[in-house]
Every structure is written in C-alpha cells, then in structure tokens.
PDB file of N, CA and C in Angstrom:
ATOM      1  N   MET A   1     -23.719  14.303   0.890  1.00  0.00           N
ATOM      2  CA  MET A   1     -22.923  14.306   2.128  1.00  0.00           C
ATOM      3  C   MET A   1     -21.475  14.514   1.833  1.00  0.00           C
ATOM      4  N   GLY A   2     -21.061  14.926   0.647  1.00  0.00           N
ATOM      5  CA  GLY A   2     -19.659  15.221   0.338  1.00  0.00           C
ATOM      6  C   GLY A   2     -18.784  13.939   0.240  1.00  0.00           C
ATOM      7  N   ASN A   3     -17.509  14.175   0.212  1.00  0.00           N
ATOM      8  CA  ASN A   3     -16.601  13.087   0.052  1.00  0.00           C
ATOM      9  C   ASN A   3     -16.332  12.414   1.415  1.00  0.00           C
ATOM     10  N   GLN A   4     -16.782  11.252   1.530  1.00  0.00           N
ATOM     11  CA  GLN A   4     -16.618  10.470   2.770  1.00  0.00           C
ATOM     12  C   GLN A   4     -15.431   9.443   2.626  1.00  0.00           C
ATOM     13  N   VAL A   5     -14.514   9.462   3.550  1.00  0.00           N
ATOM     14  CA  VAL A   5     -13.404   8.603   3.487  1.00  0.00           C
ATOM     15  C   VAL A   5     -13.827   7.206   3.829  1.00  0.00           C
ATOM     16  N   GLN A   6     -13.357   6.244   3.069  1.00  0.00           N
ATOM     17  CA  GLN A   6     -13.655   4.790   3.416  1.00  0.00           C
ATOM     18  C   GLN A   6     -12.414   4.136   3.827  1.00  0.00           C
ATOM     19  N   TYR A   7     -12.431   3.495   4.907  1.00  0.00           N
ATOM     20  CA  TYR A   7     -11.215   2.855   5.446  1.00  0.00           C
ATOM     21  C   TYR A   7     -11.259   1.339   5.097  1.00  0.00           C
ATOM     22  N   LEU A   8     -10.098   0.851   4.792  1.00  0.00           N
ATOM     23  CA  LEU A   8      -9.950  -0.572   4.360  1.00  0.00           C
ATOM     24  C   LEU A   8      -9.191  -1.270   5.409  1.00  0.00           C
ATOM     25  N   THR A   9      -9.659  -2.572   5.644  1.00  0.00           N
ATOM     26  CA  THR A   9      -8.893  -3.438   6.531  1.00  0.00           C
ATOM     27  C   THR A   9      -7.563  -3.850   5.860  1.00  0.00           C
ATOM     28  N   ARG A  10      -6.748  -4.498   6.568  1.00  0.00           N
ATOM     29  CA  ARG A  10      -5.498  -4.971   6.027  1.00  0.00           C
ATOM     30  C   ARG A  10      -5.690  -5.874   4.790  1.00  0.00           C
ATOM     31  N   ARG A  11      -6.589  -6.735   4.886  1.00  0.00           N
ATOM     32  CA  ARG A  11      -6.876  -7.706   3.783  1.00  0.00           C
ATOM     33  C   ARG A  11      -7.471  -6.929   2.596  1.00  0.00           C
ATOM     34  N   GLU A  12      -8.365  -5.978   2.867  1.00  0.00           N
ATOM     35  CA  GLU A  12      -8.897  -5.182   1.774  1.00  0.00           C
ATOM     36  C   GLU A  12      -7.840  -4.294   1.158  1.00  0.00           C
ATOM     37  N   ALA A  13      -6.936  -3.810   1.937  1.00  0.00           N
ATOM     38  CA  ALA A  13      -5.840  -2.995   1.412  1.00  0.00           C
ATOM     39  C   ALA A  13      -4.942  -3.811   0.494  1.00  0.00           C
ATOM     40  N   ALA A  14      -4.635  -5.039   0.888  1.00  0.00           N
ATOM     41  CA  ALA A  14      -3.858  -5.887   0.041  1.00  0.00           C
ATOM     42  C   ALA A  14      -4.570  -6.239  -1.263  1.00  0.00           C
ATOM     43  N   ASP A  15      -5.846  -6.458  -1.178  1.00  0.00           N
ATOM     44  CA  ASP A  15      -6.703  -6.723  -2.317  1.00  0.00           C
ATOM     45  C   ASP A  15      -6.712  -5.556  -3.285  1.00  0.00           C
ATOM     46  N   HIS A  16      -6.783  -4.328  -2.709  1.00  0.00           N
ATOM     47  CA  HIS A  16      -6.797  -3.132  -3.488  1.00  0.00           C
ATOM     48  C   HIS A  16      -5.480  -3.001  -4.307  1.00  0.00           C
ATOM     49  N   LEU A  17      -4.362  -3.275  -3.627  1.00  0.00           N
ATOM     50  CA  LEU A  17      -3.067  -3.137  -4.321  1.00  0.00           C
ATOM     51  C   LEU A  17      -2.933  -4.257  -5.390  1.00  0.00           C
ATOM     52  N   LYS A  18      -3.382  -5.492  -5.015  1.00  0.00           N
ATOM     53  CA  LYS A  18      -3.307  -6.632  -5.960  1.00  0.00           C
ATOM     54  C   LYS A  18      -4.165  -6.332  -7.242  1.00  0.00           C
ATOM     55  N   SER A  19      -5.304  -5.618  -7.051  1.00  0.00           N
ATOM     56  CA  SER A  19      -6.173  -5.385  -8.197  1.00  0.00           C
ATOM     57  C   SER A  19      -5.522  -4.419  -9.174  1.00  0.00           C
ATOM     58  N   GLN A  20      -4.439  -3.751  -8.723  1.00  0.00           N
ATOM     59  CA  GLN A  20      -3.672  -2.919  -9.627  1.00  0.00           C
ATOM     60  C   GLN A  20      -2.452  -3.595 -10.167  1.00  0.00           C
ATOM     61  N   GLY A  21      -2.355  -4.899  -9.826  1.00  0.00           N
ATOM     62  CA  GLY A  21      -1.217  -5.753 -10.384  1.00  0.00           C
ATOM     63  C   GLY A  21       0.007  -5.653  -9.459  1.00  0.00           C
ATOM     64  N   LEU A  22      -0.113  -5.154  -8.210  1.00  0.00           N
ATOM     65  CA  LEU A  22       0.986  -5.082  -7.309  1.00  0.00           C
ATOM     66  C   LEU A  22       0.940  -6.215  -6.375  1.00  0.00           C
ATOM     67  N   PRO A  23       1.958  -7.074  -6.367  1.00  0.00           N
ATOM     68  CA  PRO A  23       1.935  -8.289  -5.471  1.00  0.00           C
ATOM     69  C   PRO A  23       2.306  -7.945  -4.024  1.00  0.00           C
ATOM     70  N   ILE A  24       1.325  -8.027  -3.181  1.00  0.00           N
ATOM     71  CA  ILE A  24       1.555  -7.838  -1.757  1.00  0.00           C
ATOM     72  C   ILE A  24       0.585  -8.606  -0.919  1.00  0.00           C
ATOM     73  N   ALA A  25       0.974  -9.113   0.181  1.00  0.00           N
ATOM     74  CA  ALA A  25       0.106  -9.919   1.059  1.00  0.00           C
ATOM     75  C   ALA A  25      -0.270  -9.093   2.244  1.00  0.00           C
ATOM     76  N   ALA A  26      -1.394  -9.431   2.820  1.00  0.00           N
ATOM     77  CA  ALA A  26      -1.885  -8.766   4.026  1.00  0.00           C
ATOM     78  C   ALA A  26      -0.850  -8.978   5.144  1.00  0.00           C
ATOM     79  N   THR A  27      -0.174 -10.118   5.186  1.00  0.00           N
ATOM     80  CA  THR A  27       0.829 -10.352   6.232  1.00  0.00           C
ATOM     81  C   THR A  27       2.071  -9.405   6.028  1.00  0.00           C
ATOM     82  N   THR A  28       2.361  -9.077   4.837  1.00  0.00           N
ATOM     83  CA  THR A  28       3.409  -8.074   4.605  1.00  0.00           C
ATOM     84  C   THR A  28       3.035  -6.718   5.127  1.00  0.00           C
ATOM     85  N   LEU A  29       1.764  -6.286   4.897  1.00  0.00           N
ATOM     86  CA  LEU A  29       1.334  -5.013   5.448  1.00  0.00           C
ATOM     87  C   LEU A  29       1.412  -5.107   6.961  1.00  0.00           C
ATOM     88  N   ALA A  30       1.064  -6.208   7.564  1.00  0.00           N
ATOM     89  CA  ALA A  30       1.137  -6.341   9.000  1.00  0.00           C
ATOM     90  C   ALA A  30       2.494  -6.157   9.478  1.00  0.00           C
ATOM     91  N   LYS A  31       3.463  -6.792   8.836  1.00  0.00           N
ATOM     92  CA  LYS A  31       4.894  -6.696   9.211  1.00  0.00           C
ATOM     93  C   LYS A  31       5.388  -5.210   9.146  1.00  0.00           C
ATOM     94  N   LEU A  32       4.954  -4.568   8.054  1.00  0.00           N
ATOM     95  CA  LEU A  32       5.354  -3.180   7.827  1.00  0.00           C
ATOM     96  C   LEU A  32       4.823  -2.189   8.879  1.00  0.00           C
ATOM     97  N   VAL A  33       3.702  -2.488   9.465  1.00  0.00           N
ATOM     98  CA  VAL A  33       3.143  -1.737  10.576  1.00  0.00           C
ATOM     99  C   VAL A  33       4.079  -1.780  11.748  1.00  0.00           C
ATOM    100  N   THR A  34       4.713  -2.921  11.933  1.00  0.00           N
ATOM    101  CA  THR A  34       5.669  -3.106  13.024  1.00  0.00           C
ATOM    102  C   THR A  34       7.025  -2.521  12.772  1.00  0.00           C
ATOM    103  N   VAL A  35       7.619  -2.825  11.591  1.00  0.00           N
ATOM    104  CA  VAL A  35       8.979  -2.436  11.309  1.00  0.00           C
ATOM    105  C   VAL A  35       9.063  -1.083  10.607  1.00  0.00           C
ATOM    106  N   GLY A  36       7.989  -0.567  10.037  1.00  0.00           N
ATOM    107  CA  GLY A  36       8.013   0.647   9.313  1.00  0.00           C
ATOM    108  C   GLY A  36       8.231   0.403   7.862  1.00  0.00           C
ATOM    109  N   GLY A  37       8.020   1.462   7.047  1.00  0.00           N
ATOM    110  CA  GLY A  37       8.214   1.403   5.607  1.00  0.00           C
ATOM    111  C   GLY A  37       6.957   1.132   4.810  1.00  0.00           C
ATOM    112  N   GLY A  38       5.838   0.977   5.485  1.00  0.00           N
ATOM    113  CA  GLY A  38       4.633   0.664   4.823  1.00  0.00           C
ATOM    114  C   GLY A  38       3.784   1.932   4.572  1.00  0.00           C
ATOM    115  N   PRO A  39       2.662   1.731   4.031  1.00  0.00           N
ATOM    116  CA  PRO A  39       1.762   2.905   3.777  1.00  0.00           C
ATOM    117  C   PRO A  39       1.219   3.443   5.153  1.00  0.00           C
ATOM    118  N   GLN A  40       0.861   4.721   5.062  1.00  0.00           N
ATOM    119  CA  GLN A  40       0.236   5.329   6.235  1.00  0.00           C
ATOM    120  C   GLN A  40      -1.047   4.574   6.611  1.00  0.00           C
ATOM    121  N   PHE A  41      -1.269   4.509   7.929  1.00  0.00           N
ATOM    122  CA  PHE A  41      -2.525   3.846   8.364  1.00  0.00           C
ATOM    123  C   PHE A  41      -2.979   4.565   9.587  1.00  0.00           C
ATOM    124  N   ARG A  42      -4.186   4.269   9.984  1.00  0.00           N
ATOM    125  CA  ARG A  42      -4.795   4.787  11.203  1.00  0.00           C
ATOM    126  C   ARG A  42      -5.214   3.634  12.069  1.00  0.00           C
ATOM    127  N   LYS A  43      -5.155   3.816  13.360  1.00  0.00           N
ATOM    128  CA  LYS A  43      -5.579   2.743  14.255  1.00  0.00           C
ATOM    129  C   LYS A  43      -6.977   2.995  14.698  1.00  0.00           C
ATOM    130  N   PHE A  44      -7.710   1.873  14.789  1.00  0.00           N
ATOM    131  CA  PHE A  44      -9.102   1.889  15.296  1.00  0.00           C
ATOM    132  C   PHE A  44      -9.109   0.680  16.240  1.00  0.00           C
ATOM    133  N   GLY A  45      -8.996   0.946  17.499  1.00  0.00           N
ATOM    134  CA  GLY A  45      -8.780  -0.117  18.439  1.00  0.00           C
ATOM    135  C   GLY A  45      -7.446  -0.829  18.171  1.00  0.00           C
ATOM    136  N   ARG A  46      -7.540  -2.089  17.887  1.00  0.00           N
ATOM    137  CA  ARG A  46      -6.280  -2.836  17.646  1.00  0.00           C
ATOM    138  C   ARG A  46      -6.077  -2.983  16.117  1.00  0.00           C
ATOM    139  N   ASN A  47      -6.967  -2.467  15.296  1.00  0.00           N
ATOM    140  CA  ASN A  47      -6.837  -2.659  13.803  1.00  0.00           C
ATOM    141  C   ASN A  47      -6.178  -1.513  13.121  1.00  0.00           C
ATOM    142  N   ALA A  48      -5.387  -1.808  12.152  1.00  0.00           N
ATOM    143  CA  ALA A  48      -4.867  -0.810  11.239  1.00  0.00           C
ATOM    144  C   ALA A  48      -5.753  -0.677  10.110  1.00  0.00           C
ATOM    145  N   LEU A  49      -6.085   0.585   9.704  1.00  0.00           N
ATOM    146  CA  LEU A  49      -7.020   0.887   8.639  1.00  0.00           C
ATOM    147  C   LEU A  49      -6.285   1.797   7.652  1.00  0.00           C
ATOM    148  N   TYR A  50      -6.616   1.598   6.367  1.00  0.00           N
ATOM    149  CA  TYR A  50      -5.904   2.264   5.296  1.00  0.00           C
ATOM    150  C   TYR A  50      -6.903   3.004   4.443  1.00  0.00           C
ATOM    151  N   THR A  51      -6.475   4.069   3.752  1.00  0.00           N
ATOM    152  CA  THR A  51      -7.302   4.670   2.712  1.00  0.00           C
ATOM    153  C   THR A  51      -6.622   4.373   1.382  1.00  0.00           C
ATOM    154  N   THR A  52      -7.494   4.378   0.343  1.00  0.00           N
ATOM    155  CA  THR A  52      -6.905   4.064  -0.980  1.00  0.00           C
ATOM    156  C   THR A  52      -5.927   5.167  -1.381  1.00  0.00           C
ATOM    157  N   THR A  53      -6.165   6.412  -0.938  1.00  0.00           N
ATOM    158  CA  THR A  53      -5.195   7.466  -1.316  1.00  0.00           C
ATOM    159  C   THR A  53      -3.831   7.230  -0.723  1.00  0.00           C
ATOM    160  N   ASP A  54      -3.806   6.797   0.517  1.00  0.00           N
ATOM    161  CA  ASP A  54      -2.475   6.461   1.165  1.00  0.00           C
ATOM    162  C   ASP A  54      -1.830   5.281   0.509  1.00  0.00           C
ATOM    163  N   LEU A  55      -2.622   4.253   0.206  1.00  0.00           N
ATOM    164  CA  LEU A  55      -2.069   3.035  -0.422  1.00  0.00           C
ATOM    165  C   LEU A  55      -1.555   3.375  -1.783  1.00  0.00           C
ATOM    166  N   ASP A  56      -2.256   4.131  -2.589  1.00  0.00           N
ATOM    167  CA  ASP A  56      -1.818   4.476  -3.941  1.00  0.00           C
ATOM    168  C   ASP A  56      -0.576   5.323  -3.933  1.00  0.00           C
ATOM    169  N   ALA A  57      -0.485   6.283  -2.942  1.00  0.00           N
ATOM    170  CA  ALA A  57       0.742   7.102  -2.813  1.00  0.00           C
ATOM    171  C   ALA A  57       2.009   6.284  -2.412  1.00  0.00           C
ATOM    172  N   TRP A  58       1.757   5.346  -1.553  1.00  0.00           N
ATOM    173  CA  TRP A  58       2.845   4.493  -1.065  1.00  0.00           C
ATOM    174  C   TRP A  58       3.327   3.613  -2.195  1.00  0.00           C
ATOM    175  N   ALA A  59       2.407   3.030  -2.954  1.00  0.00           N
ATOM    176  CA  ALA A  59       2.813   2.155  -4.114  1.00  0.00           C
ATOM    177  C   ALA A  59       3.516   2.953  -5.159  1.00  0.00           C
ATOM    178  N   ALA A  60       2.999   4.137  -5.464  1.00  0.00           N
ATOM    179  CA  ALA A  60       3.706   4.967  -6.469  1.00  0.00           C
ATOM    180  C   ALA A  60       5.117   5.331  -6.073  1.00  0.00           C
ATOM    181  N   ALA A  61       5.296   5.566  -4.817  1.00  0.00           N
ATOM    182  CA  ALA A  61       6.660   5.951  -4.343  1.00  0.00           C
ATOM    183  C   ALA A  61       7.641   4.785  -4.389  1.00  0.00           C
ATOM    184  N   ARG A  62       7.085   3.533  -4.283  1.00  0.00           N
ATOM    185  CA  ARG A  62       7.902   2.352  -4.317  1.00  0.00           C
ATOM    186  C   ARG A  62       8.156   1.822  -5.689  1.00  0.00           C
ATOM    187  N   LEU A  63       7.288   2.221  -6.591  1.00  0.00           N
ATOM    188  CA  LEU A  63       7.333   1.634  -8.013  1.00  0.00           C
ATOM    189  C   LEU A  63       8.572   2.262  -8.679  1.00  0.00           C
ATOM    190  N   GLY A  64       9.428   1.466  -9.227  1.00  0.00           N
ATOM    191  CA  GLY A  64      10.577   1.882  -9.955  1.00  0.00           C
ATOM    192  C   GLY A  64      10.222   2.432 -11.333  1.00  0.00           C
ATOM    193  N   ALA A  65      11.270   3.097 -11.892  1.00  0.00           N
ATOM    194  CA  ALA A  65      11.073   3.633 -13.264  1.00  0.00           C
ATOM    195  C   ALA A  65      11.059   2.522 -14.260  1.00  0.00           C
ATOM    196  N   ALA A  66      10.486   2.802 -15.440  1.00  0.00           N
ATOM    197  CA  ALA A  66      10.496   1.817 -16.513  1.00  0.00           C
ATOM    198  C   ALA A  66      11.890   1.571 -16.997  1.00  0.00           C
ATOM    199  N   ARG A  67      12.216   0.330 -17.341  1.00  0.00           N
ATOM    200  CA  ARG A  67      13.546  -0.100 -17.802  1.00  0.00           C
ATOM    201  C   ARG A  67      13.406  -0.931 -19.060  1.00  0.00           C
ATOM    202  N   THR A  68      14.509  -0.963 -19.780  1.00  0.00           N
ATOM    203  CA  THR A  68      14.553  -1.794 -21.022  1.00  0.00           C
ATOM    204  C   THR A  68      15.226  -3.122 -20.812  1.00  0.00           C
ATOM    205  N   ASN A  69      15.975  -3.216 -19.698  1.00  0.00           N
ATOM    206  CA  ASN A  69      16.687  -4.447 -19.343  1.00  0.00           C
ATOM    207  C   ASN A  69      17.086  -4.420 -17.884  1.00  0.00           C
ATOM    208  N   SER A  70      17.411  -5.573 -17.325  1.00  0.00           N
ATOM    209  CA  SER A  70      17.654  -5.755 -15.889  1.00  0.00           C
ATOM    210  C   SER A  70      18.943  -5.132 -15.450  1.00  0.00           C
ATOM    211  N   SER A  71      19.881  -4.829 -16.375  1.00  0.00           N
ATOM    212  CA  SER A  71      21.179  -4.191 -15.946  1.00  0.00           C
ATOM    213  C   SER A  71      21.107  -2.671 -15.971  1.00  0.00           C
ATOM    214  N   GLN A  72      20.016  -2.161 -16.458  1.00  0.00           N
ATOM    215  CA  GLN A  72      19.893  -0.716 -16.522  1.00  0.00           C
ATOM    216  C   GLN A  72      19.672  -0.130 -15.162  1.00  0.00           C
ATOM    217  N   ARG A  73      20.373   0.937 -14.770  1.00  0.00           N
ATOM    218  CA  ARG A  73      20.266   1.615 -13.535  1.00  0.00           C
ATOM    219  C   ARG A  73      18.964   2.386 -13.446  1.00  0.00           C
ATOM    220  N   ALA A  74      18.444   2.507 -12.273  1.00  0.00           N
ATOM    221  CA  ALA A  74      17.273   3.339 -12.025  1.00  0.00           C
ATOM    222  C   ALA A  74      17.543   4.741 -12.377  1.00  0.00           C
ATOM    223  N   ALA A  75      16.563   5.433 -12.885  1.00  0.00           N
ATOM    224  CA  ALA A  75      16.775   6.876 -13.258  1.00  0.00           C
ATOM    225  C   ALA A  75      16.794   7.747 -12.063  1.00  0.00           C
TER     226      ALA A  75
END
C-alpha cells in the first residue's frame, strides 16, 4: 500500500522528540500551536496532529551547532 503517513497526537509527538534526547513537554507543543514557532501540524477536529518528518525537521532547525564551551558563539 505504499508509504502511509502516520499522525501523532501531541503527547506522542513529545514522546518522539524525547526518545531522541530532546527535552520537550506536550504542554509546550500546545503553547507553540497558539503562539507559533512550533513544528508544522495538521488539524483533525480540535486536535493538532504531527508527522515524524515535520517534528524531526523542526528539531533539526532549532538544534544549535556543536560547541566546545559555553562562551563560544554559534557558527
């Protein structure tokens, strides 16, 4: 049946990011739906749904460059 997109609930989306070592709460994702700046999502009724592709792209864009100390400027 080809590649079928699987949608994640907000809690599942947070768990997906946490499984990659990225600290984020489902409540933070909820806030970002309102104020902006979060990962792309789709609405299904009242629920925001996410894809792993969108979550991973958002996390990669937010992740800073590797540094050797805290005073080093971002590249």
